[in-house]
Amino acid sequence: SSYQEFGVSVRQTWTADAMLFASYVHARSRSDLNDFGSLFVNIDAPFLEPGGTVTTAADVPDRLRAWATVQLPERIVVSPAVDWRTGFPYSTYDEYRRYVGEANSRRFPTYFALDLTVFKTLDVVGRKLDLGVQFFNLTGHDNPRDVISVVSSSRFGELTNNPGRTLGGYMQVRW
């Protein structure tokens, strides 16, 4: 297998409580279609396929990731993050689970997510406790994780399993 990458990262800090970080990576990964991992991971497909070197299932040619942290009054911290990347590749199959075309020759749509974490720092028993909320995919961008990939299916090409917006809790105890 082979992996090639070019990456650039920048970080700007204004104070200990305010910073911005951004990184961009351009990469390419290829491997033998019948690599060791395919024998144990992809059990819904035949073990060995005639093939050669193909794009790996984890290939993401372009990725931009950025996040910032800003401390507001009253010990409140706001931390937005953005993630944009090329969609992961996937393969199409016939009804016998044989590849139709080259493996991993199609891609999911471009992924985009804007996340936001907001928390307040409290003093509890001599320790610092951060309590807050996290919003994932704040913009509600469609980021499907699965696809109907059998070409004879009436639902062929349908993208599914979009997590949508998600709200979570945030807690950190600093010793």
N, C-alpha and C. Protein backbone atom coordinates (compact mmCIF):
# COMPACT_ATOMS: atom_id res chain seq x y z
N SER A 1 0.84 -1.18 0.00
CA SER A 1 0.00 0.00 0.00
C SER A 1 0.89 1.24 0.00
N SER A 2 0.29 2.36 -0.37
CA SER A 2 1.04 3.62 -0.37
C SER A 2 0.15 4.74 0.13
N TYR A 3 0.78 5.70 0.77
CA TYR A 3 0.09 6.89 1.27
C TYR A 3 0.99 8.08 1.05
N GLN A 4 0.44 9.10 0.42
CA GLN A 4 1.18 10.34 0.20
C GLN A 4 0.35 11.49 0.75
N GLU A 5 1.02 12.43 1.40
CA GLU A 5 0.30 13.52 2.05
C GLU A 5 1.08 14.81 1.97
N PHE A 6 0.34 15.91 1.80
CA PHE A 6 0.88 17.25 1.94
C PHE A 6 -0.02 17.96 2.93
N GLY A 7 0.53 18.53 3.96
CA GLY A 7 -0.28 19.19 4.97
C GLY A 7 0.28 20.53 5.37
N VAL A 8 -0.62 21.44 5.72
CA VAL A 8 -0.25 22.76 6.20
C VAL A 8 -1.11 23.06 7.42
N SER A 9 -0.48 23.53 8.49
CA SER A 9 -1.20 23.89 9.71
C SER A 9 -0.76 25.27 10.18
N VAL A 10 -1.70 26.02 10.69
CA VAL A 10 -1.38 27.33 11.28
C VAL A 10 -2.11 27.46 12.61
N ARG A 11 -1.46 28.17 13.52
CA ARG A 11 -2.07 28.43 14.82
C ARG A 11 -1.80 29.87 15.19
N GLN A 12 -2.82 30.55 15.64
CA GLN A 12 -2.68 31.92 16.10
C GLN A 12 -3.21 31.99 17.52
N THR A 13 -2.40 32.51 18.43
CA THR A 13 -2.86 32.70 19.81
C THR A 13 -2.80 34.19 20.12
N TRP A 14 -3.84 34.68 20.75
CA TRP A 14 -3.87 36.07 21.16
C TRP A 14 -3.59 36.17 22.65
N THR A 15 -4.19 35.31 23.43
CA THR A 15 -3.93 35.19 24.86
C THR A 15 -3.97 33.70 25.18
N ALA A 16 -3.74 33.36 26.42
CA ALA A 16 -3.83 31.95 26.80
C ALA A 16 -5.25 31.42 26.65
N ASP A 17 -6.22 32.33 26.56
CA ASP A 17 -7.62 31.92 26.49
C ASP A 17 -8.25 32.09 25.11
N ALA A 18 -7.47 32.51 24.12
CA ALA A 18 -8.04 32.73 22.79
C ALA A 18 -7.06 32.26 21.73
N MET A 19 -7.50 31.29 20.92
CA MET A 19 -6.63 30.80 19.85
C MET A 19 -7.46 30.32 18.67
N LEU A 20 -6.78 30.25 17.52
CA LEU A 20 -7.37 29.74 16.30
C LEU A 20 -6.38 28.76 15.70
N PHE A 21 -6.89 27.60 15.28
CA PHE A 21 -6.04 26.58 14.66
C PHE A 21 -6.72 26.13 13.38
N ALA A 22 -5.95 25.99 12.30
CA ALA A 22 -6.49 25.51 11.04
C ALA A 22 -5.47 24.60 10.37
N SER A 23 -5.97 23.55 9.71
CA SER A 23 -5.07 22.66 8.98
C SER A 23 -5.75 22.20 7.70
N TYR A 24 -4.92 22.01 6.69
CA TYR A 24 -5.39 21.48 5.41
C TYR A 24 -4.47 20.33 5.04
N VAL A 25 -5.06 19.24 4.58
CA VAL A 25 -4.29 18.07 4.15
C VAL A 25 -4.79 17.64 2.78
N HIS A 26 -3.85 17.43 1.88
CA HIS A 26 -4.15 16.80 0.60
C HIS A 26 -3.42 15.46 0.62
N ALA A 27 -4.14 14.38 0.39
CA ALA A 27 -3.54 13.05 0.53
C ALA A 27 -4.10 12.09 -0.51
N ARG A 28 -3.39 11.00 -0.66
CA ARG A 28 -3.83 9.92 -1.55
C ARG A 28 -3.37 8.61 -0.94
N SER A 29 -4.29 7.64 -0.86
CA SER A 29 -3.91 6.32 -0.33
C SER A 29 -4.44 5.24 -1.26
N ARG A 30 -3.56 4.30 -1.57
CA ARG A 30 -3.90 3.18 -2.45
C ARG A 30 -3.32 1.91 -1.83
N SER A 31 -4.00 0.80 -2.10
CA SER A 31 -3.47 -0.47 -1.62
C SER A 31 -3.98 -1.59 -2.51
N ASP A 32 -3.46 -2.77 -2.28
CA ASP A 32 -3.91 -3.93 -3.02
C ASP A 32 -5.35 -4.22 -2.62
N LEU A 33 -6.17 -4.56 -3.57
CA LEU A 33 -7.58 -4.84 -3.31
C LEU A 33 -7.75 -5.95 -2.28
N ASN A 34 -6.85 -6.92 -2.27
CA ASN A 34 -6.92 -8.05 -1.35
C ASN A 34 -5.91 -7.88 -0.21
N ASP A 35 -5.93 -6.73 0.44
CA ASP A 35 -5.01 -6.50 1.56
C ASP A 35 -5.45 -7.32 2.78
N PHE A 36 -4.60 -7.37 3.76
CA PHE A 36 -4.86 -8.17 4.96
C PHE A 36 -6.17 -7.77 5.64
N GLY A 37 -6.42 -6.48 5.75
CA GLY A 37 -7.62 -6.01 6.44
C GLY A 37 -8.91 -6.42 5.76
N SER A 38 -8.91 -6.54 4.45
CA SER A 38 -10.15 -6.90 3.75
C SER A 38 -10.59 -8.32 4.05
N LEU A 39 -9.66 -9.16 4.47
CA LEU A 39 -10.03 -10.54 4.81
C LEU A 39 -10.82 -10.62 6.11
N PHE A 40 -10.68 -9.63 6.98
CA PHE A 40 -11.30 -9.69 8.30
C PHE A 40 -12.33 -8.60 8.56
N VAL A 41 -12.31 -7.52 7.79
CA VAL A 41 -13.21 -6.41 8.04
C VAL A 41 -14.46 -6.48 7.18
N ASN A 42 -14.31 -6.69 5.90
CA ASN A 42 -15.43 -6.61 4.98
C ASN A 42 -16.05 -7.99 4.75
N ILE A 43 -16.66 -8.55 5.81
CA ILE A 43 -17.15 -9.93 5.72
C ILE A 43 -18.41 -10.07 4.89
N ASP A 44 -19.04 -8.96 4.48
CA ASP A 44 -20.23 -9.07 3.64
C ASP A 44 -19.89 -9.17 2.16
N ALA A 45 -18.60 -9.16 1.82
CA ALA A 45 -18.16 -9.28 0.43
C ALA A 45 -17.26 -10.51 0.31
N PRO A 46 -17.11 -11.04 -0.88
CA PRO A 46 -16.22 -12.20 -1.05
C PRO A 46 -14.82 -11.89 -0.53
N PHE A 47 -14.16 -12.92 -0.02
CA PHE A 47 -12.84 -12.71 0.57
C PHE A 47 -11.82 -12.18 -0.43
N LEU A 48 -11.68 -12.82 -1.56
CA LEU A 48 -10.67 -12.41 -2.52
C LEU A 48 -11.33 -12.07 -3.84
N GLU A 49 -10.87 -11.00 -4.44
CA GLU A 49 -11.40 -10.54 -5.72
C GLU A 49 -10.23 -10.36 -6.67
N PRO A 50 -10.43 -10.64 -7.94
CA PRO A 50 -9.38 -10.27 -8.90
C PRO A 50 -9.26 -8.75 -8.86
N GLY A 51 -8.09 -8.26 -8.79
CA GLY A 51 -7.98 -6.81 -8.67
C GLY A 51 -6.59 -6.31 -8.96
N GLY A 52 -6.08 -5.60 -8.07
CA GLY A 52 -4.80 -4.93 -8.19
C GLY A 52 -4.80 -3.81 -7.20
N THR A 53 -4.15 -2.73 -7.53
CA THR A 53 -4.06 -1.59 -6.63
C THR A 53 -5.24 -0.66 -6.87
N VAL A 54 -5.94 -0.31 -5.79
CA VAL A 54 -7.11 0.55 -5.87
C VAL A 54 -7.05 1.61 -4.76
N THR A 55 -7.91 2.60 -4.87
CA THR A 55 -8.06 3.59 -3.81
C THR A 55 -8.55 2.89 -2.55
N THR A 56 -7.98 3.24 -1.40
CA THR A 56 -8.42 2.60 -0.15
C THR A 56 -9.77 3.17 0.29
N ALA A 57 -10.46 2.43 1.13
CA ALA A 57 -11.77 2.87 1.62
C ALA A 57 -11.66 4.07 2.54
N ALA A 58 -10.46 4.38 3.03
CA ALA A 58 -10.25 5.52 3.92
C ALA A 58 -9.64 6.72 3.21
N ASP A 59 -9.58 6.70 1.88
CA ASP A 59 -8.95 7.77 1.12
C ASP A 59 -9.78 9.05 1.18
N VAL A 60 -9.18 10.13 1.64
CA VAL A 60 -9.81 11.45 1.67
C VAL A 60 -8.82 12.43 1.07
N PRO A 61 -8.95 12.73 -0.22
CA PRO A 61 -7.95 13.58 -0.88
C PRO A 61 -7.79 14.97 -0.29
N ASP A 62 -8.89 15.59 0.16
CA ASP A 62 -8.81 16.96 0.67
C ASP A 62 -9.56 17.07 1.99
N ARG A 63 -8.90 17.72 2.97
CA ARG A 63 -9.54 17.92 4.26
C ARG A 63 -9.09 19.24 4.87
N LEU A 64 -10.07 20.01 5.32
CA LEU A 64 -9.82 21.26 6.01
C LEU A 64 -10.48 21.18 7.38
N ARG A 65 -9.71 21.44 8.41
CA ARG A 65 -10.22 21.39 9.78
C ARG A 65 -9.78 22.66 10.48
N ALA A 66 -10.69 23.34 11.15
CA ALA A 66 -10.34 24.56 11.88
C ALA A 66 -11.17 24.63 13.16
N TRP A 67 -10.56 25.18 14.19
CA TRP A 67 -11.29 25.38 15.44
C TRP A 67 -10.71 26.58 16.17
N ALA A 68 -11.51 27.13 17.04
CA ALA A 68 -11.08 28.29 17.82
C ALA A 68 -11.58 28.13 19.25
N THR A 69 -10.94 28.83 20.15
CA THR A 69 -11.37 28.86 21.54
C THR A 69 -11.31 30.31 22.02
N VAL A 70 -12.41 30.78 22.57
CA VAL A 70 -12.49 32.15 23.05
C VAL A 70 -13.12 32.13 24.44
N GLN A 71 -12.45 32.79 25.40
CA GLN A 71 -13.01 32.87 26.75
C GLN A 71 -13.78 34.18 26.87
N LEU A 72 -15.04 34.06 27.29
CA LEU A 72 -15.90 35.21 27.50
C LEU A 72 -15.92 35.55 28.99
N PRO A 73 -16.54 36.66 29.35
CA PRO A 73 -16.67 36.97 30.79
C PRO A 73 -17.42 35.86 31.52
N GLU A 74 -17.31 35.86 32.83
CA GLU A 74 -17.98 34.89 33.71
C GLU A 74 -17.45 33.47 33.51
N ARG A 75 -16.20 33.34 33.02
CA ARG A 75 -15.53 32.05 32.83
C ARG A 75 -16.32 31.12 31.88
N ILE A 76 -16.89 31.72 30.85
CA ILE A 76 -17.59 30.97 29.81
C ILE A 76 -16.67 30.86 28.61
N VAL A 77 -16.57 29.66 28.05
CA VAL A 77 -15.70 29.40 26.90
C VAL A 77 -16.57 28.96 25.73
N VAL A 78 -16.30 29.52 24.57
CA VAL A 78 -16.98 29.17 23.33
C VAL A 78 -15.92 28.63 22.38
N SER A 79 -16.20 27.45 21.81
CA SER A 79 -15.22 26.81 20.92
C SER A 79 -15.92 26.24 19.68
N PRO A 80 -15.92 27.01 18.57
CA PRO A 80 -16.48 26.48 17.33
C PRO A 80 -15.44 25.64 16.59
N ALA A 81 -15.91 24.71 15.78
CA ALA A 81 -15.02 23.88 14.95
C ALA A 81 -15.72 23.61 13.63
N VAL A 82 -14.94 23.61 12.55
CA VAL A 82 -15.48 23.31 11.23
C VAL A 82 -14.65 22.20 10.61
N ASP A 83 -15.33 21.28 9.93
CA ASP A 83 -14.66 20.16 9.27
C ASP A 83 -15.27 20.03 7.88
N TRP A 84 -14.43 20.16 6.85
CA TRP A 84 -14.84 19.99 5.46
C TRP A 84 -13.89 19.00 4.83
N ARG A 85 -14.43 18.02 4.12
CA ARG A 85 -13.56 17.04 3.47
C ARG A 85 -14.26 16.39 2.30
N THR A 86 -13.44 15.82 1.42
CA THR A 86 -13.93 15.01 0.33
C THR A 86 -14.64 13.79 0.93
N GLY A 87 -15.70 13.34 0.31
CA GLY A 87 -16.41 12.17 0.81
C GLY A 87 -15.59 10.89 0.68
N PHE A 88 -15.84 9.94 1.56
CA PHE A 88 -15.14 8.66 1.51
C PHE A 88 -15.56 7.88 0.25
N PRO A 89 -14.67 7.04 -0.27
CA PRO A 89 -15.02 6.22 -1.42
C PRO A 89 -15.86 5.01 -1.02
N TYR A 90 -16.57 4.47 -2.01
CA TYR A 90 -17.30 3.22 -1.79
C TYR A 90 -17.35 2.45 -3.11
N SER A 91 -17.69 1.19 -3.02
CA SER A 91 -17.75 0.31 -4.18
C SER A 91 -19.19 -0.02 -4.52
N THR A 92 -19.42 -0.40 -5.77
CA THR A 92 -20.72 -0.89 -6.18
C THR A 92 -20.60 -2.38 -6.48
N TYR A 93 -21.71 -3.10 -6.27
CA TYR A 93 -21.71 -4.56 -6.36
C TYR A 93 -22.88 -5.05 -7.22
N ASP A 94 -22.72 -6.28 -7.71
CA ASP A 94 -23.86 -6.93 -8.35
C ASP A 94 -24.59 -7.76 -7.28
N GLU A 95 -25.62 -8.49 -7.69
CA GLU A 95 -26.41 -9.25 -6.72
C GLU A 95 -25.65 -10.40 -6.07
N TYR A 96 -24.47 -10.74 -6.61
CA TYR A 96 -23.63 -11.80 -6.01
C TYR A 96 -22.50 -11.22 -5.18
N ARG A 97 -22.55 -9.93 -4.91
CA ARG A 97 -21.56 -9.19 -4.12
C ARG A 97 -20.19 -9.14 -4.80
N ARG A 98 -20.18 -9.17 -6.12
CA ARG A 98 -18.95 -8.96 -6.88
C ARG A 98 -18.89 -7.49 -7.28
N TYR A 99 -17.69 -6.97 -7.36
CA TYR A 99 -17.54 -5.56 -7.73
C TYR A 99 -18.08 -5.29 -9.12
N VAL A 100 -18.75 -4.17 -9.26
CA VAL A 100 -19.16 -3.64 -10.56
C VAL A 100 -18.25 -2.44 -10.79
N GLY A 101 -17.38 -2.55 -11.76
CA GLY A 101 -16.38 -1.50 -11.95
C GLY A 101 -15.25 -1.65 -10.95
N GLU A 102 -14.41 -0.66 -10.88
CA GLU A 102 -13.27 -0.69 -9.96
C GLU A 102 -13.74 -0.48 -8.53
N ALA A 103 -13.13 -1.19 -7.60
CA ALA A 103 -13.47 -1.02 -6.19
C ALA A 103 -13.19 0.42 -5.75
N ASN A 104 -14.04 0.93 -4.89
CA ASN A 104 -13.90 2.27 -4.31
C ASN A 104 -13.81 3.37 -5.37
N SER A 105 -14.54 3.20 -6.46
CA SER A 105 -14.47 4.18 -7.54
C SER A 105 -15.54 5.27 -7.43
N ARG A 106 -16.46 5.14 -6.48
CA ARG A 106 -17.48 6.18 -6.26
C ARG A 106 -17.21 6.83 -4.91
N ARG A 107 -17.81 8.00 -4.70
CA ARG A 107 -17.58 8.72 -3.45
C ARG A 107 -18.89 9.24 -2.85
N PHE A 108 -18.90 9.27 -1.52
CA PHE A 108 -19.97 9.95 -0.82
C PHE A 108 -19.86 11.44 -1.13
N PRO A 109 -20.92 12.20 -0.90
CA PRO A 109 -20.84 13.65 -1.12
C PRO A 109 -19.82 14.28 -0.16
N THR A 110 -19.44 15.48 -0.49
CA THR A 110 -18.53 16.25 0.37
C THR A 110 -19.13 16.37 1.76
N TYR A 111 -18.30 16.17 2.76
CA TYR A 111 -18.72 16.23 4.16
C TYR A 111 -18.47 17.64 4.69
N PHE A 112 -19.45 18.17 5.42
CA PHE A 112 -19.27 19.46 6.08
C PHE A 112 -19.98 19.43 7.41
N ALA A 113 -19.29 19.87 8.46
CA ALA A 113 -19.92 19.96 9.77
C ALA A 113 -19.38 21.18 10.51
N LEU A 114 -20.29 21.92 11.10
CA LEU A 114 -19.95 23.02 11.99
C LEU A 114 -20.39 22.60 13.39
N ASP A 115 -19.44 22.48 14.30
CA ASP A 115 -19.72 22.06 15.66
C ASP A 115 -19.46 23.23 16.61
N LEU A 116 -20.10 23.21 17.76
CA LEU A 116 -19.93 24.29 18.73
C LEU A 116 -19.97 23.70 20.14
N THR A 117 -18.98 24.05 20.93
CA THR A 117 -18.95 23.66 22.34
C THR A 117 -18.97 24.94 23.17
N VAL A 118 -19.85 24.98 24.17
CA VAL A 118 -19.94 26.11 25.09
C VAL A 118 -19.95 25.53 26.50
N PHE A 119 -19.05 26.05 27.36
CA PHE A 119 -19.04 25.56 28.74
C PHE A 119 -18.66 26.67 29.70
N LYS A 120 -18.99 26.45 30.95
CA LYS A 120 -18.66 27.37 32.04
C LYS A 120 -17.78 26.64 33.03
N THR A 121 -16.75 27.31 33.51
CA THR A 121 -15.84 26.73 34.48
C THR A 121 -16.31 27.09 35.89
N LEU A 122 -16.42 26.06 36.72
CA LEU A 122 -16.83 26.23 38.12
C LEU A 122 -15.73 25.69 39.02
N ASP A 123 -15.65 26.23 40.25
CA ASP A 123 -14.72 25.70 41.26
C ASP A 123 -15.51 24.79 42.20
N VAL A 124 -15.09 23.51 42.25
CA VAL A 124 -15.77 22.53 43.09
C VAL A 124 -14.72 21.77 43.88
N VAL A 125 -14.75 21.87 45.21
CA VAL A 125 -13.85 21.17 46.11
C VAL A 125 -12.39 21.36 45.68
N GLY A 126 -12.02 22.56 45.39
CA GLY A 126 -10.64 22.87 45.05
C GLY A 126 -10.22 22.45 43.64
N ARG A 127 -11.13 21.99 42.85
CA ARG A 127 -10.85 21.57 41.46
C ARG A 127 -11.66 22.43 40.50
N LYS A 128 -11.23 22.45 39.26
CA LYS A 128 -11.98 23.17 38.22
C LYS A 128 -12.86 22.17 37.48
N LEU A 129 -14.12 22.51 37.35
CA LEU A 129 -15.09 21.67 36.67
C LEU A 129 -15.69 22.47 35.52
N ASP A 130 -15.58 21.93 34.30
CA ASP A 130 -16.17 22.56 33.13
C ASP A 130 -17.47 21.83 32.79
N LEU A 131 -18.57 22.56 32.74
CA LEU A 131 -19.87 22.00 32.40
C LEU A 131 -20.46 22.79 31.24
N GLY A 132 -20.98 22.06 30.25
CA GLY A 132 -21.55 22.76 29.11
C GLY A 132 -22.28 21.86 28.16
N VAL A 133 -22.47 22.36 26.94
CA VAL A 133 -23.17 21.63 25.90
C VAL A 133 -22.33 21.63 24.62
N GLN A 134 -22.58 20.62 23.79
CA GLN A 134 -21.93 20.52 22.48
C GLN A 134 -23.01 20.35 21.43
N PHE A 135 -22.90 21.11 20.36
CA PHE A 135 -23.79 21.01 19.22
C PHE A 135 -22.98 20.48 18.05
N PHE A 136 -23.37 19.34 17.51
CA PHE A 136 -22.68 18.74 16.38
C PHE A 136 -23.51 18.95 15.12
N ASN A 137 -22.84 19.29 14.02
CA ASN A 137 -23.50 19.55 12.74
C ASN A 137 -24.58 20.61 12.90
N LEU A 138 -24.18 21.71 13.48
CA LEU A 138 -25.10 22.81 13.80
C LEU A 138 -25.91 23.28 12.59
N THR A 139 -25.32 23.24 11.40
CA THR A 139 -26.01 23.70 10.19
C THR A 139 -26.96 22.65 9.62
N GLY A 140 -26.92 21.43 10.13
CA GLY A 140 -27.80 20.37 9.64
C GLY A 140 -27.42 19.86 8.26
N HIS A 141 -26.16 20.02 7.89
CA HIS A 141 -25.69 19.56 6.57
C HIS A 141 -25.91 18.06 6.43
N ASP A 142 -26.31 17.62 5.25
CA ASP A 142 -26.56 16.20 4.98
C ASP A 142 -25.22 15.47 4.84
N ASN A 143 -24.89 14.63 5.80
CA ASN A 143 -23.63 13.87 5.82
C ASN A 143 -23.92 12.38 5.94
N PRO A 144 -24.41 11.74 4.87
CA PRO A 144 -24.76 10.31 4.96
C PRO A 144 -23.54 9.44 5.21
N ARG A 145 -23.78 8.33 5.92
CA ARG A 145 -22.68 7.41 6.24
C ARG A 145 -22.81 6.07 5.53
N ASP A 146 -23.94 5.82 4.88
CA ASP A 146 -24.16 4.55 4.18
C ASP A 146 -24.79 4.82 2.81
N VAL A 147 -24.67 3.82 1.94
CA VAL A 147 -25.24 3.93 0.60
C VAL A 147 -25.77 2.56 0.18
N ILE A 148 -26.85 2.53 -0.58
CA ILE A 148 -27.33 1.29 -1.18
C ILE A 148 -26.46 1.08 -2.42
N SER A 149 -25.57 0.09 -2.38
CA SER A 149 -24.54 -0.03 -3.41
C SER A 149 -24.71 -1.23 -4.35
N VAL A 150 -25.83 -1.94 -4.27
CA VAL A 150 -26.09 -3.06 -5.17
C VAL A 150 -26.82 -2.51 -6.39
N VAL A 151 -26.19 -2.63 -7.57
CA VAL A 151 -26.71 -1.96 -8.76
C VAL A 151 -28.10 -2.45 -9.18
N SER A 152 -28.48 -3.68 -8.85
CA SER A 152 -29.80 -4.18 -9.26
C SER A 152 -30.90 -3.77 -8.29
N SER A 153 -30.56 -3.10 -7.20
CA SER A 153 -31.57 -2.66 -6.24
C SER A 153 -32.36 -1.48 -6.80
N SER A 154 -33.64 -1.45 -6.49
CA SER A 154 -34.45 -0.32 -6.92
C SER A 154 -34.05 0.96 -6.18
N ARG A 155 -33.33 0.81 -5.09
CA ARG A 155 -32.87 1.95 -4.29
C ARG A 155 -31.38 2.23 -4.51
N PHE A 156 -30.79 1.68 -5.57
CA PHE A 156 -29.37 1.85 -5.85
C PHE A 156 -28.97 3.33 -5.82
N GLY A 157 -27.88 3.59 -5.13
CA GLY A 157 -27.35 4.95 -5.05
C GLY A 157 -27.96 5.80 -3.96
N GLU A 158 -28.99 5.27 -3.28
CA GLU A 158 -29.64 6.04 -2.22
C GLU A 158 -28.69 6.17 -1.02
N LEU A 159 -28.51 7.39 -0.56
CA LEU A 159 -27.66 7.66 0.59
C LEU A 159 -28.50 7.64 1.86
N THR A 160 -27.98 7.01 2.91
CA THR A 160 -28.76 6.84 4.14
C THR A 160 -27.88 7.11 5.36
N ASN A 161 -28.51 7.03 6.52
CA ASN A 161 -27.83 7.11 7.81
C ASN A 161 -27.17 8.46 8.03
N ASN A 162 -27.94 9.51 7.85
CA ASN A 162 -27.45 10.86 8.13
C ASN A 162 -27.71 11.18 9.60
N PRO A 163 -26.65 11.46 10.37
CA PRO A 163 -26.87 11.70 11.80
C PRO A 163 -27.60 13.00 12.11
N GLY A 164 -27.62 13.96 11.19
CA GLY A 164 -28.32 15.22 11.44
C GLY A 164 -27.68 16.02 12.56
N ARG A 165 -28.44 16.94 13.12
CA ARG A 165 -27.95 17.73 14.26
C ARG A 165 -27.98 16.88 15.52
N THR A 166 -26.98 17.07 16.35
CA THR A 166 -26.90 16.32 17.59
C THR A 166 -26.51 17.26 18.73
N LEU A 167 -27.15 17.07 19.87
CA LEU A 167 -26.85 17.85 21.07
C LEU A 167 -26.28 16.90 22.12
N GLY A 168 -25.19 17.31 22.74
CA GLY A 168 -24.57 16.48 23.78
C GLY A 168 -24.14 17.32 24.96
N GLY A 169 -23.86 16.65 26.05
CA GLY A 169 -23.36 17.33 27.23
C GLY A 169 -21.83 17.36 27.21
N TYR A 170 -21.26 18.28 27.96
CA TYR A 170 -19.82 18.41 28.06
C TYR A 170 -19.45 18.55 29.53
N MET A 171 -18.51 17.73 29.98
CA MET A 171 -18.04 17.82 31.36
C MET A 171 -16.56 17.45 31.40
N GLN A 172 -15.79 18.27 32.09
CA GLN A 172 -14.37 17.98 32.27
C GLN A 172 -13.98 18.39 33.68
N VAL A 173 -13.31 17.48 34.38
CA VAL A 173 -12.79 17.78 35.71
C VAL A 173 -11.28 17.91 35.57
N ARG A 174 -10.75 19.04 35.98
CA ARG A 174 -9.29 19.26 35.89
C ARG A 174 -8.67 19.09 37.26
N TRP A 175 -7.74 18.14 37.37
CA TRP A 175 -7.09 17.85 38.64
C TRP A 175 -5.95 18.77 38.82
